[in-house]
Structures are given as structure tokens and as C-alpha cells.
């Protein structure tokens, strides 16, 4: 953990932003701001997920993958 020193004006702005964004903590607020500014995708976006409609699509995908084993 690290301590950051800010002036009173910045603290008031961060408190208002924390309330507006519904953040549970300053840490969460600052982390969300940093991720947005650095364009870091959410973990769901980063790793993705297969949205398959039925098990046939899964079977088809597995069959293709097994051909290369």
C-alpha cells in the first residue's frame, strides 16, 4: 500500500467524483480512472468468452481443434 498526498481542493473533487461514479473507495475510483485513461480493457473483454447458442457449435469447434493434435 502507498500513501498519496493531495491538497484539499483535489480531495474535494475526488470525493464528488467518487460519489458521482458510485465508487466504494478512492482506490477503486483512481483505478477505474487509470484503466480508462490507459485504455486497459476489462478482464472480460481481455479474455473474452464464447457465446455459443448450442452444444453443436462447441462440438464442431472441438473437432476442428483435435485435427491438429
N, C-alpha and C. Protein backbone atom coordinates (compact mmCIF):
# COMPACT_ATOMS: atom_id res chain seq x y z
N UNK A 1 0.85 -1.17 0.00
CA UNK A 1 0.00 0.00 0.00
C UNK A 1 0.90 1.23 0.00
N UNK A 2 0.43 2.28 -0.67
CA UNK A 2 1.17 3.53 -0.78
C UNK A 2 0.27 4.69 -0.36
N UNK A 3 0.85 5.67 0.29
CA UNK A 3 0.12 6.88 0.66
C UNK A 3 0.41 7.97 -0.36
N UNK A 4 -0.64 8.67 -0.78
CA UNK A 4 -0.51 9.76 -1.75
C UNK A 4 -1.00 11.03 -1.08
N UNK A 5 -0.23 12.09 -1.20
CA UNK A 5 -0.61 13.37 -0.63
C UNK A 5 -1.22 14.27 -1.70
N UNK A 6 -2.40 14.80 -1.41
CA UNK A 6 -3.09 15.72 -2.33
C UNK A 6 -3.56 16.93 -1.53
N UNK A 7 -3.82 18.02 -2.22
CA UNK A 7 -4.31 19.21 -1.50
C UNK A 7 -5.81 19.08 -1.27
N UNK A 8 -6.35 19.99 -0.45
CA UNK A 8 -7.77 19.94 -0.07
C UNK A 8 -8.70 20.09 -1.27
N UNK A 9 -8.34 20.93 -2.20
CA UNK A 9 -9.17 21.13 -3.39
C UNK A 9 -9.30 19.85 -4.21
N UNK A 10 -8.18 19.17 -4.41
CA UNK A 10 -8.20 17.90 -5.15
C UNK A 10 -8.99 16.85 -4.38
N UNK A 11 -8.86 16.82 -3.07
CA UNK A 11 -9.59 15.87 -2.24
C UNK A 11 -11.09 16.07 -2.39
N UNK A 12 -11.54 17.31 -2.38
CA UNK A 12 -12.97 17.61 -2.54
C UNK A 12 -13.47 17.17 -3.91
N UNK A 13 -12.67 17.42 -4.94
CA UNK A 13 -13.05 16.99 -6.30
C UNK A 13 -13.15 15.47 -6.37
N UNK A 14 -12.20 14.78 -5.77
CA UNK A 14 -12.23 13.32 -5.79
C UNK A 14 -13.41 12.76 -5.00
N UNK A 15 -13.76 13.41 -3.88
CA UNK A 15 -14.93 12.96 -3.11
C UNK A 15 -16.20 13.08 -3.94
N UNK A 16 -16.35 14.21 -4.65
CA UNK A 16 -17.53 14.40 -5.51
C UNK A 16 -17.57 13.38 -6.63
N UNK A 17 -16.42 13.15 -7.24
CA UNK A 17 -16.35 12.18 -8.35
C UNK A 17 -16.61 10.77 -7.85
N UNK A 18 -16.09 10.45 -6.67
CA UNK A 18 -16.32 9.12 -6.07
C UNK A 18 -17.81 8.90 -5.86
N UNK A 19 -18.51 9.90 -5.36
CA UNK A 19 -19.96 9.80 -5.15
C UNK A 19 -20.69 9.68 -6.49
N UNK A 20 -20.30 10.52 -7.45
CA UNK A 20 -20.95 10.51 -8.77
C UNK A 20 -20.79 9.16 -9.47
N UNK A 21 -19.60 8.60 -9.39
CA UNK A 21 -19.31 7.32 -10.06
C UNK A 21 -19.79 6.11 -9.27
N UNK A 22 -20.14 6.31 -8.01
CA UNK A 22 -20.58 5.20 -7.18
C UNK A 22 -19.45 4.29 -6.75
N UNK A 23 -18.25 4.82 -6.71
CA UNK A 23 -17.09 4.03 -6.29
C UNK A 23 -17.15 3.78 -4.79
N UNK A 24 -16.70 2.60 -4.38
CA UNK A 24 -16.71 2.24 -2.97
C UNK A 24 -15.54 2.86 -2.21
N UNK A 25 -14.47 3.19 -2.94
CA UNK A 25 -13.27 3.73 -2.30
C UNK A 25 -12.53 4.63 -3.27
N UNK A 26 -11.62 5.42 -2.72
CA UNK A 26 -10.76 6.23 -3.59
C UNK A 26 -9.88 5.33 -4.44
N UNK A 27 -9.45 4.21 -3.88
CA UNK A 27 -8.63 3.28 -4.64
C UNK A 27 -9.37 2.78 -5.88
N UNK A 28 -10.63 2.39 -5.71
CA UNK A 28 -11.42 1.91 -6.84
C UNK A 28 -11.60 3.03 -7.86
N UNK A 29 -11.91 4.23 -7.39
CA UNK A 29 -12.11 5.37 -8.28
C UNK A 29 -10.84 5.64 -9.10
N UNK A 30 -9.71 5.72 -8.43
CA UNK A 30 -8.46 6.02 -9.13
C UNK A 30 -8.06 4.89 -10.08
N UNK A 31 -8.31 3.65 -9.67
CA UNK A 31 -8.03 2.52 -10.55
C UNK A 31 -8.89 2.57 -11.81
N UNK A 32 -10.18 2.88 -11.64
CA UNK A 32 -11.07 2.99 -12.80
C UNK A 32 -10.63 4.11 -13.74
N UNK A 33 -10.24 5.24 -13.17
CA UNK A 33 -9.75 6.36 -13.99
C UNK A 33 -8.49 5.95 -14.74
N UNK A 34 -7.56 5.31 -14.05
CA UNK A 34 -6.30 4.89 -14.67
C UNK A 34 -6.56 3.91 -15.81
N UNK A 35 -7.42 2.91 -15.58
CA UNK A 35 -7.72 1.93 -16.63
C UNK A 35 -8.35 2.59 -17.85
N UNK A 36 -9.25 3.54 -17.60
CA UNK A 36 -9.90 4.25 -18.70
C UNK A 36 -8.87 5.06 -19.50
N UNK A 37 -8.05 5.81 -18.81
CA UNK A 37 -7.07 6.67 -19.47
C UNK A 37 -5.98 5.87 -20.19
N UNK A 38 -5.63 4.72 -19.62
CA UNK A 38 -4.61 3.87 -20.24
C UNK A 38 -5.21 2.91 -21.25
N UNK A 39 -6.55 2.97 -21.39
CA UNK A 39 -7.29 2.11 -22.32
C UNK A 39 -7.04 0.63 -22.07
N UNK A 40 -7.07 0.27 -20.78
CA UNK A 40 -6.91 -1.12 -20.38
C UNK A 40 -8.30 -1.75 -20.41
N UNK A 41 -8.50 -2.80 -21.20
CA UNK A 41 -9.84 -3.41 -21.28
C UNK A 41 -10.20 -4.14 -20.00
N UNK A 42 -11.51 -4.27 -19.76
CA UNK A 42 -11.98 -5.08 -18.64
C UNK A 42 -11.48 -6.49 -18.83
N UNK A 43 -11.34 -7.23 -17.74
CA UNK A 43 -10.85 -8.60 -17.86
C UNK A 43 -11.75 -9.44 -18.75
N UNK A 44 -13.06 -9.18 -18.74
CA UNK A 44 -13.97 -9.93 -19.61
C UNK A 44 -13.67 -9.65 -21.07
N UNK A 45 -13.39 -8.38 -21.38
CA UNK A 45 -13.06 -8.02 -22.75
C UNK A 45 -11.71 -8.58 -23.15
N UNK A 46 -10.78 -8.60 -22.20
CA UNK A 46 -9.43 -9.03 -22.49
C UNK A 46 -9.38 -10.52 -22.81
N UNK A 47 -10.09 -11.32 -22.01
CA UNK A 47 -10.03 -12.76 -22.18
C UNK A 47 -11.20 -13.31 -22.97
N UNK A 48 -12.26 -12.55 -23.05
CA UNK A 48 -13.40 -12.94 -23.87
C UNK A 48 -14.11 -14.17 -23.34
N UNK A 49 -15.17 -14.47 -23.99
CA UNK A 49 -15.91 -15.68 -23.67
C UNK A 49 -16.65 -16.09 -24.92
N UNK A 50 -16.84 -17.40 -25.05
CA UNK A 50 -17.54 -17.92 -26.22
C UNK A 50 -19.03 -17.88 -25.93
N UNK A 51 -19.76 -17.16 -26.72
CA UNK A 51 -21.21 -17.13 -26.59
C UNK A 51 -21.79 -18.04 -27.65
N UNK A 52 -21.89 -19.31 -27.32
CA UNK A 52 -22.37 -20.29 -28.29
C UNK A 52 -23.84 -20.58 -28.02
N UNK A 53 -24.59 -20.75 -29.10
CA UNK A 53 -26.02 -20.94 -28.97
C UNK A 53 -26.40 -22.37 -28.62
N UNK A 54 -25.59 -23.33 -29.03
CA UNK A 54 -25.92 -24.70 -28.68
C UNK A 54 -24.65 -25.54 -28.61
N UNK A 55 -24.79 -26.73 -28.09
CA UNK A 55 -23.63 -27.60 -27.89
C UNK A 55 -23.03 -28.08 -29.22
N UNK A 56 -23.80 -28.03 -30.30
CA UNK A 56 -23.29 -28.44 -31.61
C UNK A 56 -22.12 -27.54 -32.02
N UNK A 57 -22.22 -26.27 -31.72
CA UNK A 57 -21.13 -25.36 -32.04
C UNK A 57 -19.88 -25.71 -31.24
N UNK A 58 -20.06 -26.10 -29.98
CA UNK A 58 -18.92 -26.49 -29.15
C UNK A 58 -18.30 -27.75 -29.72
N UNK A 59 -19.11 -28.73 -30.07
CA UNK A 59 -18.60 -29.99 -30.62
C UNK A 59 -17.85 -29.71 -31.92
N UNK A 60 -18.39 -28.89 -32.76
CA UNK A 60 -17.77 -28.56 -34.02
C UNK A 60 -16.41 -27.92 -33.79
N UNK A 61 -16.33 -27.02 -32.83
CA UNK A 61 -15.06 -26.36 -32.52
C UNK A 61 -14.04 -27.38 -31.98
N UNK A 62 -14.49 -28.26 -31.10
CA UNK A 62 -13.58 -29.27 -30.53
C UNK A 62 -13.06 -30.20 -31.63
N UNK A 63 -13.92 -30.60 -32.56
CA UNK A 63 -13.50 -31.48 -33.64
C UNK A 63 -12.41 -30.83 -34.48
N UNK A 64 -12.56 -29.55 -34.77
CA UNK A 64 -11.53 -28.85 -35.56
C UNK A 64 -10.22 -28.78 -34.80
N UNK A 65 -10.28 -28.54 -33.51
CA UNK A 65 -9.07 -28.41 -32.71
C UNK A 65 -8.34 -29.75 -32.62
N UNK A 66 -9.11 -30.86 -32.52
CA UNK A 66 -8.49 -32.18 -32.38
C UNK A 66 -7.76 -32.61 -33.65
N UNK A 67 -8.13 -32.08 -34.78
CA UNK A 67 -7.46 -32.44 -36.03
C UNK A 67 -5.98 -32.07 -36.01
N UNK A 68 -5.63 -31.09 -35.21
CA UNK A 68 -4.25 -30.61 -35.21
C UNK A 68 -3.42 -31.16 -34.08
N UNK A 69 -3.99 -32.05 -33.27
CA UNK A 69 -3.23 -32.66 -32.17
C UNK A 69 -2.29 -33.74 -32.66
